[in-house]
Protein backbone atom coordinates (compact mmCIF):
# COMPACT_ATOMS: atom_id res chain seq x y z
CA MET A 1 23.24 -5.35 -14.80
CA ALA A 2 24.86 -7.12 -18.01
CA GLY A 3 25.57 -3.66 -19.38
CA GLU A 4 27.38 -3.06 -16.02
CA ALA A 5 29.64 -6.73 -16.66
CA GLY A 6 30.13 -6.11 -20.51
CA ILE A 7 27.32 -7.29 -21.71
CA ALA A 8 25.33 -5.29 -24.74
CA LEU A 9 21.60 -5.87 -24.68
CA THR A 10 19.08 -4.11 -27.22
CA PRO A 11 16.62 -1.92 -25.22
CA ALA A 12 13.83 -4.15 -23.47
CA GLY A 13 10.53 -3.97 -26.43
CA ALA A 14 13.18 -3.40 -29.06
CA THR A 15 11.64 -6.41 -31.68
CA PHE A 16 8.18 -3.82 -31.11
CA PRO A 17 6.85 -1.39 -33.44
CA TYR A 18 8.07 2.25 -31.16
CA GLY A 19 10.46 -0.24 -28.45
CA LYS A 20 6.85 -1.30 -26.74
CA ASP A 21 6.47 -4.83 -25.82
CA PRO A 22 2.89 -4.95 -24.59
CA ARG A 23 3.15 -7.88 -21.98
CA ASP A 24 6.70 -6.17 -21.33
CA ARG A 25 8.45 -9.19 -21.55
CA ASN A 26 10.82 -9.59 -24.54
CA ILE A 27 14.43 -8.70 -24.94
CA ARG A 28 16.51 -10.08 -27.71
CA LEU A 29 20.39 -10.76 -28.38
CA ALA A 30 21.99 -9.54 -30.15
CA PRO A 31 25.62 -10.63 -30.73
CA SER A 32 28.26 -8.34 -33.14
CA HIS A 33 29.86 -11.66 -34.71
CA PRO A 34 31.35 -13.28 -31.40
CA GLY A 35 33.60 -16.86 -31.61
CA PRO A 36 31.76 -20.02 -29.71
CA ALA A 37 34.00 -19.26 -26.75
CA GLU A 38 32.48 -15.39 -26.27
CA LEU A 39 29.53 -16.31 -26.81
CA GLY A 40 29.37 -18.89 -25.07
CA ASP A 41 31.33 -16.64 -22.31
CA ALA A 42 28.55 -13.63 -22.57
CA LEU A 43 25.55 -16.05 -22.44
CA GLU A 44 27.06 -17.33 -18.69
CA GLY A 45 27.09 -14.39 -18.07
CA LEU A 46 23.35 -12.41 -19.11
CA ALA A 47 22.32 -16.21 -17.45
CA LEU A 48 24.34 -14.89 -13.88
CA CYS A 49 22.70 -11.83 -13.87
CA VAL A 50 19.62 -12.65 -14.22
CA GLU A 51 19.55 -15.00 -11.35
CA LEU A 52 21.11 -12.14 -9.44
CA ALA A 53 18.42 -9.44 -10.70
CA ALA A 54 15.72 -13.08 -9.49
CA VAL A 55 17.35 -13.23 -6.61
CA GLU A 56 17.63 -10.11 -5.18
CA SER A 57 13.26 -9.76 -6.39
CA LEU A 58 12.64 -12.54 -4.57
CA LEU A 59 14.28 -10.82 -1.45
CA GLY A 60 13.55 -7.15 -1.69
CA ALA A 61 9.52 -8.62 -2.58
CA GLY A 62 8.86 -8.79 1.30
CA GLN A 63 9.82 -5.70 2.53
CA GLU A 64 9.24 -2.34 2.70
CA ALA A 65 10.71 1.06 1.29
């Protein structure tokens, strides 16, 4: 979702050997030297993506596929 919004993140588990996060709950933000304004925009966008994903997950939790 963040990638579609133009926010690049490292793949899940990228900070672990072989990319395997044993608890599947670690992400790493890897800014490429943005200025303070760009970094603020990116963090705000990321937070919105996390909130939207959480809401979508909660709304879908009671529905069967």
